[in-house]
Amino acid sequence: MIKDKVVIITGASSGIGEATARLLASKGAKVVLGARREQQLKQLVDEIQKAGGQAAYRVMDVTSPSDNTKIVELAKKTFGGLDVIFLNAGIMPTAPLSALKTDEWNQTVDINIKGVLNGVAAVLPTFISQKSGHIIANSSVAGLKAYPGGAVYGGTKWFVRDFMEVLRMESVQEGTNIRTATIYPAAINTELLNAISDQAAAKAMTALYERYGISPDRVANVVEFAIDQPEDTNVNEFTIGPTPQPW
């Protein structure tokens, strides 16, 4: 059941996060939205509320541990609890390693890896104490196979894959009943391409997405499906992409 579940979504101001917020709110979830851009967050919350949904937001940077803690506090204060976190924030500045875009390497690690760690650290005390909870994270098909130009981005997504599986296993061992779901999207039309500064990589990736890209609400449907499973059922991995894309 999704109705009345309290769900935190990071990277909620656009793309997959925005689509998921709208869908879950329409199903009766109480969504708590975090991202860096306040104007987009405020507009999204206003639209959800006008449609009869329940939503709140907080400007946050997932690389900040305190920002993650504060959005958990907001969820509990506003809606009285917390059931799910969707760790959706991420960037994809692909480029050959020879381009030596070391600032982008570090930024990718900070957001795609440390952002996940910070989010999990913020919710685990609550989920452990209540012996229930659901942690959902976006990896990528680049977390399943290697792609030239994606060494650092793919590496962060392979990390998410391993981390989420160990989290699931440890929760079983510890009897905390925390469910996990890891999503591996292929070409989904979001703002990810905007972070690619390498011109050749940007051109190639743009052509790929223009040919194959599908709407982010397709991923939102998968998040909804994962949350909607009975509490005794954990469907923990989903690979999703355009039907004609060879990935």
C-alpha atoms as a PDB file:
ATOM      1  CA  MET A   1       0.000   0.000   0.000  1.00  0.00           C
ATOM      2  CA  ILE A   2       1.257   3.448  -0.926  1.00  0.00           C
ATOM      3  CA  LYS A   3      -1.521   5.521   0.626  1.00  0.00           C
ATOM      4  CA  ASP A   4      -0.359   7.479   3.699  1.00  0.00           C
ATOM      5  CA  LYS A   5       3.255   6.333   3.413  1.00  0.00           C
ATOM      6  CA  VAL A   6       5.772   9.116   4.079  1.00  0.00           C
ATOM      7  CA  VAL A   7       8.351   9.207   1.290  1.00  0.00           C
ATOM      8  CA  ILE A   8      11.483  11.373   1.029  1.00  0.00           C
ATOM      9  CA  ILE A   9      12.727  11.973  -2.528  1.00  0.00           C
ATOM     10  CA  THR A  10      16.114  13.585  -3.226  1.00  0.00           C
ATOM     11  CA  GLY A  11      16.847  15.232  -6.545  1.00  0.00           C
ATOM     12  CA  ALA A  12      13.136  15.998  -6.608  1.00  0.00           C
ATOM     13  CA  SER A  13      13.119  19.273  -8.553  1.00  0.00           C
ATOM     14  CA  SER A  14      13.093  17.692 -12.025  1.00  0.00           C
ATOM     15  CA  GLY A  15      13.266  14.480 -14.026  1.00  0.00           C
ATOM     16  CA  ILE A  16      12.756  11.154 -12.274  1.00  0.00           C
ATOM     17  CA  GLY A  17      12.420  12.755  -8.841  1.00  0.00           C
ATOM     18  CA  GLU A  18       9.705  15.139  -9.953  1.00  0.00           C
ATOM     19  CA  ALA A  19       7.797  12.448 -11.849  1.00  0.00           C
ATOM     20  CA  THR A  20       7.954  10.117  -8.852  1.00  0.00           C
ATOM     21  CA  ALA A  21       6.767  12.836  -6.483  1.00  0.00           C
ATOM     22  CA  ARG A  22       3.731  13.563  -8.640  1.00  0.00           C
ATOM     23  CA  LEU A  23       2.836   9.895  -9.070  1.00  0.00           C
ATOM     24  CA  LEU A  24       3.215   8.868  -5.432  1.00  0.00           C
ATOM     25  CA  ALA A  25       1.334  11.936  -4.198  1.00  0.00           C
ATOM     26  CA  SER A  26      -1.512  11.094  -6.586  1.00  0.00           C
ATOM     27  CA  LYS A  27      -1.651   7.640  -4.964  1.00  0.00           C
ATOM     28  CA  GLY A  28      -1.982   9.115  -1.491  1.00  0.00           C
ATOM     29  CA  ALA A  29       1.635   9.142  -0.315  1.00  0.00           C
ATOM     30  CA  LYS A  30       2.920  12.061   1.749  1.00  0.00           C
ATOM     31  CA  VAL A  31       5.989  13.224  -0.151  1.00  0.00           C
ATOM     32  CA  VAL A  32       8.895  15.198   1.274  1.00  0.00           C
ATOM     33  CA  LEU A  33      11.002  16.675  -1.498  1.00  0.00           C
ATOM     34  CA  GLY A  34      14.642  17.715  -1.391  1.00  0.00           C
ATOM     35  CA  ALA A  35      16.872  19.388  -3.995  1.00  0.00           C
ATOM     36  CA  ARG A  36      19.065  22.458  -4.414  1.00  0.00           C
ATOM     37  CA  ARG A  37      16.634  24.589  -6.433  1.00  0.00           C
ATOM     38  CA  GLU A  38      13.972  26.116  -4.234  1.00  0.00           C
ATOM     39  CA  GLN A  39      11.838  27.686  -6.952  1.00  0.00           C
ATOM     40  CA  GLN A  40      11.253  24.340  -8.679  1.00  0.00           C
ATOM     41  CA  LEU A  41      10.586  22.589  -5.367  1.00  0.00           C
ATOM     42  CA  LYS A  42       8.094  25.212  -4.228  1.00  0.00           C
ATOM     43  CA  GLN A  43       6.232  25.104  -7.548  1.00  0.00           C
ATOM     44  CA  LEU A  44       6.082  21.300  -7.479  1.00  0.00           C
ATOM     45  CA  VAL A  45       4.747  21.222  -3.910  1.00  0.00           C
ATOM     46  CA  ASP A  46       2.163  23.881  -4.775  1.00  0.00           C
ATOM     47  CA  GLU A  47       0.972  21.869  -7.782  1.00  0.00           C
ATOM     48  CA  ILE A  48       0.766  18.640  -5.780  1.00  0.00           C
ATOM     49  CA  GLN A  49      -1.221  20.359  -3.032  1.00  0.00           C
ATOM     50  CA  LYS A  50      -3.591  22.014  -5.506  1.00  0.00           C
ATOM     51  CA  ALA A  51      -4.262  18.550  -6.954  1.00  0.00           C
ATOM     52  CA  GLY A  52      -5.238  17.336  -3.488  1.00  0.00           C
ATOM     53  CA  GLY A  53      -1.939  15.712  -2.529  1.00  0.00           C
ATOM     54  CA  GLN A  54       0.231  16.131   0.544  1.00  0.00           C
ATOM     55  CA  ALA A  55       3.767  17.440   0.124  1.00  0.00           C
ATOM     56  CA  ALA A  56       6.523  19.404   1.822  1.00  0.00           C
ATOM     57  CA  TYR A  57       9.990  20.439   0.697  1.00  0.00           C
ATOM     58  CA  ARG A  58      13.397  21.452   1.984  1.00  0.00           C
ATOM     59  CA  VAL A  59      16.285  22.915   0.022  1.00  0.00           C
ATOM     60  CA  MET A  60      19.167  20.494   0.465  1.00  0.00           C
ATOM     61  CA  ASP A  61      22.526  19.404  -0.870  1.00  0.00           C
ATOM     62  CA  VAL A  62      22.892  15.624  -0.623  1.00  0.00           C
ATOM     63  CA  THR A  63      26.636  16.002  -0.043  1.00  0.00           C
ATOM     64  CA  SER A  64      25.835  17.618   3.336  1.00  0.00           C
ATOM     65  CA  PRO A  65      25.173  15.109   6.143  1.00  0.00           C
ATOM     66  CA  SER A  66      23.244  17.736   8.139  1.00  0.00           C
ATOM     67  CA  ASP A  67      20.966  18.513   5.180  1.00  0.00           C
ATOM     68  CA  ASN A  68      20.030  14.841   4.988  1.00  0.00           C
ATOM     69  CA  THR A  69      19.350  14.709   8.709  1.00  0.00           C
ATOM     70  CA  LYS A  70      17.197  17.822   8.517  1.00  0.00           C
ATOM     71  CA  ILE A  71      14.960  16.501   5.746  1.00  0.00           C
ATOM     72  CA  VAL A  72      14.354  13.362   7.812  1.00  0.00           C
ATOM     73  CA  GLU A  73      13.422  15.606  10.741  1.00  0.00           C
ATOM     74  CA  LEU A  74      11.082  17.584   8.455  1.00  0.00           C
ATOM     75  CA  ALA A  75       9.320  14.390   7.332  1.00  0.00           C
ATOM     76  CA  LYS A  76       8.756  13.236  10.898  1.00  0.00           C
ATOM     77  CA  LYS A  77       7.671  16.656  12.131  1.00  0.00           C
ATOM     78  CA  THR A  78       5.319  17.328   9.201  1.00  0.00           C
ATOM     79  CA  PHE A  79       3.805  13.893   8.660  1.00  0.00           C
ATOM     80  CA  GLY A  80       4.548  12.037  11.900  1.00  0.00           C
ATOM     81  CA  GLY A  81       6.915   9.376  10.606  1.00  0.00           C
ATOM     82  CA  LEU A  82       8.984   8.038   7.734  1.00  0.00           C
ATOM     83  CA  ASP A  83       8.523   4.939   5.575  1.00  0.00           C
ATOM     84  CA  VAL A  84      10.603   5.341   2.406  1.00  0.00           C
ATOM     85  CA  ILE A  85      13.573   7.278   1.049  1.00  0.00           C
ATOM     86  CA  PHE A  86      14.257   7.425  -2.690  1.00  0.00           C
ATOM     87  CA  LEU A  87      17.923   8.333  -3.203  1.00  0.00           C
ATOM     88  CA  ASN A  88      17.534   9.783  -6.659  1.00  0.00           C
ATOM     89  CA  ALA A  89      19.977  12.723  -6.825  1.00  0.00           C
ATOM     90  CA  GLY A  90      22.889  12.195  -9.208  1.00  0.00           C
ATOM     91  CA  ILE A  91      25.035  13.653 -11.980  1.00  0.00           C
ATOM     92  CA  MET A  92      26.533  12.113 -15.146  1.00  0.00           C
ATOM     93  CA  PRO A  93      29.475  14.173 -16.456  1.00  0.00           C
ATOM     94  CA  THR A  94      30.893  11.537 -18.821  1.00  0.00           C
ATOM     95  CA  ALA A  95      34.272  12.076 -20.496  1.00  0.00           C
ATOM     96  CA  PRO A  96      37.374  10.068 -21.377  1.00  0.00           C
ATOM     97  CA  LEU A  97      39.809   9.695 -18.476  1.00  0.00           C
ATOM     98  CA  SER A  98      42.466  11.295 -20.682  1.00  0.00           C
ATOM     99  CA  ALA A  99      40.490  14.562 -20.494  1.00  0.00           C
ATOM    100  CA  LEU A 100      41.533  14.689 -16.822  1.00  0.00           C
ATOM    101  CA  LYS A 101      38.365  16.372 -15.603  1.00  0.00           C
ATOM    102  CA  THR A 102      39.391  15.746 -12.013  1.00  0.00           C
ATOM    103  CA  ASP A 103      37.032  18.334 -10.522  1.00  0.00           C
ATOM    104  CA  GLU A 104      34.137  16.494 -12.162  1.00  0.00           C
ATOM    105  CA  TRP A 105      35.459  13.162 -10.893  1.00  0.00           C
ATOM    106  CA  ASN A 106      35.348  14.441  -7.336  1.00  0.00           C
ATOM    107  CA  GLN A 107      31.941  16.063  -7.747  1.00  0.00           C
ATOM    108  CA  THR A 108      30.530  12.825  -9.164  1.00  0.00           C
ATOM    109  CA  VAL A 109      31.861  10.829  -6.213  1.00  0.00           C
ATOM    110  CA  ASP A 110      30.539  13.410  -3.750  1.00  0.00           C
ATOM    111  CA  ILE A 111      26.989  13.393  -5.146  1.00  0.00           C
ATOM    112  CA  ASN A 112      26.568   9.841  -6.449  1.00  0.00           C
ATOM    113  CA  ILE A 113      28.334   8.011  -3.623  1.00  0.00           C
ATOM    114  CA  LYS A 114      28.481  10.292  -0.591  1.00  0.00           C
ATOM    115  CA  GLY A 115      24.950  11.516  -1.293  1.00  0.00           C
ATOM    116  CA  VAL A 116      23.723   7.922  -0.982  1.00  0.00           C
ATOM    117  CA  LEU A 117      25.783   7.325   2.157  1.00  0.00           C
ATOM    118  CA  ASN A 118      24.467  10.506   3.766  1.00  0.00           C
ATOM    119  CA  GLY A 119      20.868   9.637   2.968  1.00  0.00           C
ATOM    120  CA  VAL A 120      21.174   6.125   4.349  1.00  0.00           C
ATOM    121  CA  ALA A 121      22.938   7.358   7.492  1.00  0.00           C
ATOM    122  CA  ALA A 122      20.109   9.832   8.045  1.00  0.00           C
ATOM    123  CA  VAL A 123      17.292   7.271   7.832  1.00  0.00           C
ATOM    124  CA  LEU A 124      18.868   4.154   9.354  1.00  0.00           C
ATOM    125  CA  PRO A 125      18.354   5.106  13.021  1.00  0.00           C
ATOM    126  CA  THR A 126      14.614   5.569  12.379  1.00  0.00           C
ATOM    127  CA  PHE A 127      14.251   2.452  10.238  1.00  0.00           C
ATOM    128  CA  ILE A 128      16.232   0.300  12.679  1.00  0.00           C
ATOM    129  CA  SER A 129      14.261   1.478  15.693  1.00  0.00           C
ATOM    130  CA  GLN A 130      10.874   0.897  14.025  1.00  0.00           C
ATOM    131  CA  LYS A 131      12.066  -2.318  12.356  1.00  0.00           C
ATOM    132  CA  SER A 132      10.667  -1.263   9.016  1.00  0.00           C
ATOM    133  CA  GLY A 133      11.545   1.037   6.150  1.00  0.00           C
ATOM    134  CA  HIS A 134      12.325   1.083   2.463  1.00  0.00           C
ATOM    135  CA  ILE A 135      15.485   2.468   0.840  1.00  0.00           C
ATOM    136  CA  ILE A 136      15.371   2.919  -2.942  1.00  0.00           C
ATOM    137  CA  ALA A 137      18.373   4.129  -4.946  1.00  0.00           C
ATOM    138  CA  ASN A 138      19.047   5.000  -8.548  1.00  0.00           C
ATOM    139  CA  SER A 139      22.074   3.258  -9.982  1.00  0.00           C
ATOM    140  CA  SER A 140      22.335   3.031 -13.797  1.00  0.00           C
ATOM    141  CA  VAL A 141      22.901   0.502 -16.538  1.00  0.00           C
ATOM    142  CA  ALA A 142      26.435   1.900 -16.161  1.00  0.00           C
ATOM    143  CA  GLY A 143      26.375   0.147 -12.786  1.00  0.00           C
ATOM    144  CA  LEU A 144      25.901  -3.189 -14.567  1.00  0.00           C
ATOM    145  CA  LYS A 145      28.370  -2.939 -17.472  1.00  0.00           C
ATOM    146  CA  ALA A 146      31.324  -0.776 -18.460  1.00  0.00           C
ATOM    147  CA  TYR A 147      31.148   2.022 -21.025  1.00  0.00           C
ATOM    148  CA  PRO A 148      34.036   4.070 -22.473  1.00  0.00           C
ATOM    149  CA  GLY A 149      33.741   7.600 -21.138  1.00  0.00           C
ATOM    150  CA  GLY A 150      31.911   6.393 -18.054  1.00  0.00           C
ATOM    151  CA  ALA A 151      34.749   5.184 -15.825  1.00  0.00           C
ATOM    152  CA  VAL A 152      34.053   7.509 -12.914  1.00  0.00           C
ATOM    153  CA  TYR A 153      30.275   7.782 -13.353  1.00  0.00           C
ATOM    154  CA  GLY A 154      29.979   4.030 -13.840  1.00  0.00           C
ATOM    155  CA  GLY A 155      32.240   3.410 -10.873  1.00  0.00           C
ATOM    156  CA  THR A 156      29.913   5.400  -8.628  1.00  0.00           C
ATOM    157  CA  LYS A 157      26.955   3.417  -9.908  1.00  0.00           C
ATOM    158  CA  TRP A 158      28.715   0.072  -9.378  1.00  0.00           C
ATOM    159  CA  PHE A 159      29.262   1.261  -5.810  1.00  0.00           C
ATOM    160  CA  VAL A 160      25.525   1.859  -5.384  1.00  0.00           C
ATOM    161  CA  ARG A 161      24.837  -1.637  -6.690  1.00  0.00           C
ATOM    162  CA  ASP A 162      27.142  -3.315  -4.149  1.00  0.00           C
ATOM    163  CA  PHE A 163      26.224  -1.028  -1.264  1.00  0.00           C
ATOM    164  CA  MET A 164      22.492  -1.591  -1.643  1.00  0.00           C
ATOM    165  CA  GLU A 165      22.876  -5.384  -1.815  1.00  0.00           C
ATOM    166  CA  VAL A 166      24.986  -5.444   1.354  1.00  0.00           C
ATOM    167  CA  LEU A 167      22.444  -3.160   3.045  1.00  0.00           C
ATOM    168  CA  ARG A 168      19.694  -5.629   2.166  1.00  0.00           C
ATOM    169  CA  MET A 169      21.696  -8.605   3.439  1.00  0.00           C
ATOM    170  CA  GLU A 170      22.672  -6.930   6.695  1.00  0.00           C
ATOM    171  CA  SER A 171      19.094  -5.896   7.395  1.00  0.00           C
ATOM    172  CA  VAL A 172      18.108  -9.556   7.025  1.00  0.00           C
ATOM    173  CA  GLN A 173      20.875 -10.643   9.396  1.00  0.00           C
ATOM    174  CA  GLU A 174      19.905  -7.981  11.941  1.00  0.00           C
ATOM    175  CA  GLY A 175      16.161  -8.559  11.656  1.00  0.00           C
ATOM    176  CA  THR A 176      15.324  -4.930  10.920  1.00  0.00           C
ATOM    177  CA  ASN A 177      13.020  -5.689   7.947  1.00  0.00           C
ATOM    178  CA  ILE A 178      14.455  -2.831   5.842  1.00  0.00           C
ATOM    179  CA  ARG A 179      13.546  -3.348   2.210  1.00  0.00           C
ATOM    180  CA  THR A 180      15.785  -2.139  -0.610  1.00  0.00           C
ATOM    181  CA  ALA A 181      15.347  -1.516  -4.317  1.00  0.00           C
ATOM    182  CA  THR A 182      18.081  -0.564  -6.769  1.00  0.00           C
ATOM    183  CA  ILE A 183      17.066   0.827 -10.154  1.00  0.00           C
ATOM    184  CA  TYR A 184      19.278   0.639 -13.250  1.00  0.00           C
ATOM    185  CA  PRO A 185      17.888   3.119 -15.810  1.00  0.00           C
ATOM    186  CA  ALA A 186      19.145   3.344 -19.388  1.00  0.00           C
ATOM    187  CA  ALA A 187      18.270   6.380 -21.563  1.00  0.00           C
ATOM    188  CA  ILE A 188      15.689   8.349 -19.580  1.00  0.00           C
ATOM    189  CA  ASN A 189      15.050  11.949 -20.616  1.00  0.00           C
ATOM    190  CA  THR A 190      16.213  14.044 -17.641  1.00  0.00           C
ATOM    191  CA  GLU A 191      18.658  16.898 -17.027  1.00  0.00           C
ATOM    192  CA  LEU A 192      21.618  14.496 -16.653  1.00  0.00           C
ATOM    193  CA  LEU A 193      23.077  15.521 -20.019  1.00  0.00           C
ATOM    194  CA  ASN A 194      23.436  19.120 -18.832  1.00  0.00           C
ATOM    195  CA  ALA A 195      26.397  18.127 -16.642  1.00  0.00           C
ATOM    196  CA  ILE A 196      28.510  16.835 -19.550  1.00  0.00           C
ATOM    197  CA  SER A 197      31.180  19.454 -20.303  1.00  0.00           C
ATOM    198  CA  ASP A 198      33.245  17.338 -22.697  1.00  0.00           C
ATOM    199  CA  GLN A 199      31.978  18.355 -26.146  1.00  0.00           C
ATOM    200  CA  ALA A 200      32.490  15.023 -27.900  1.00  0.00           C
ATOM    201  CA  ALA A 201      30.879  13.085 -25.053  1.00  0.00           C
ATOM    202  CA  ALA A 202      27.973  15.529 -24.896  1.00  0.00           C
ATOM    203  CA  LYS A 203      27.364  15.231 -28.639  1.00  0.00           C
ATOM    204  CA  ALA A 204      27.395  11.432 -28.583  1.00  0.00           C
ATOM    205  CA  MET A 205      25.202  11.178 -25.488  1.00  0.00           C
ATOM    206  CA  THR A 206      22.716  13.726 -26.814  1.00  0.00           C
ATOM    207  CA  ALA A 207      22.368  11.757 -30.049  1.00  0.00           C
ATOM    208  CA  LEU A 208      21.794   8.574 -28.043  1.00  0.00           C
ATOM    209  CA  TYR A 209      19.080  10.140 -25.903  1.00  0.00           C
ATOM    210  CA  GLU A 210      17.410  11.845 -28.871  1.00  0.00           C
ATOM    211  CA  ARG A 211      17.169   8.458 -30.576  1.00  0.00           C
ATOM    212  CA  TYR A 212      16.096   6.312 -27.636  1.00  0.00           C
ATOM    213  CA  GLY A 213      15.158   8.402 -24.580  1.00  0.00           C
ATOM    214  CA  ILE A 214      11.878   7.728 -22.758  1.00  0.00           C
ATOM    215  CA  SER A 215       9.957   9.729 -20.184  1.00  0.00           C
ATOM    216  CA  PRO A 216      11.051   9.786 -16.509  1.00  0.00           C
ATOM    217  CA  ASP A 217       7.566   8.761 -15.440  1.00  0.00           C
ATOM    218  CA  ARG A 218       8.499   5.271 -16.661  1.00  0.00           C
ATOM    219  CA  VAL A 219      10.959   5.048 -13.773  1.00  0.00           C
ATOM    220  CA  ALA A 220       8.406   6.548 -11.397  1.00  0.00           C
ATOM    221  CA  ASN A 221       6.144   3.610 -12.254  1.00  0.00           C
ATOM    222  CA  VAL A 222       8.874   1.221 -11.107  1.00  0.00           C
ATOM    223  CA  VAL A 223       9.337   3.080  -7.812  1.00  0.00           C
ATOM    224  CA  GLU A 224       5.583   2.892  -7.254  1.00  0.00           C
ATOM    225  CA  PHE A 225       5.616  -0.855  -7.955  1.00  0.00           C
ATOM    226  CA  ALA A 226       8.457  -1.478  -5.477  1.00  0.00           C
ATOM    227  CA  ILE A 227       6.789   0.480  -2.674  1.00  0.00           C
ATOM    228  CA  ASP A 228       3.388  -1.076  -3.339  1.00  0.00           C
ATOM    229  CA  GLN A 229       4.564  -4.650  -2.665  1.00  0.00           C
ATOM    230  CA  PRO A 230       3.384  -6.295   0.570  1.00  0.00           C
ATOM    231  CA  GLU A 231       5.727  -5.685   3.501  1.00  0.00           C
ATOM    232  CA  ASP A 232       6.884  -9.306   3.381  1.00  0.00           C
ATOM    233  CA  THR A 233       8.018  -8.934  -0.246  1.00  0.00           C
ATOM    234  CA  ASN A 234      11.215  -7.239  -1.415  1.00  0.00           C
ATOM    235  CA  VAL A 235      11.687  -6.806  -5.160  1.00  0.00           C
ATOM    236  CA  ASN A 236      15.159  -5.383  -5.016  1.00  0.00           C
ATOM    237  CA  GLU A 237      16.535  -4.855  -8.544  1.00  0.00           C
ATOM    238  CA  PHE A 238      15.035  -3.270 -11.650  1.00  0.00           C
ATOM    239  CA  THR A 239      16.705  -2.621 -15.004  1.00  0.00           C
ATOM    240  CA  ILE A 240      14.622  -0.231 -17.086  1.00  0.00           C
ATOM    241  CA  GLY A 241      15.145   1.432 -20.430  1.00  0.00           C
ATOM    242  CA  PRO A 242      13.720   2.061 -23.881  1.00  0.00           C
ATOM    243  CA  THR A 243      12.540  -1.093 -25.669  1.00  0.00           C
ATOM    244  CA  PRO A 244      14.663  -0.447 -28.826  1.00  0.00           C
ATOM    245  CA  GLN A 245      17.854   0.625 -26.978  1.00  0.00           C
ATOM    246  CA  PRO A 246      20.578  -2.080 -26.878  1.00  0.00           C
ATOM    247  CA  TRP A 247      22.037  -0.492 -23.667  1.00  0.00           C
END
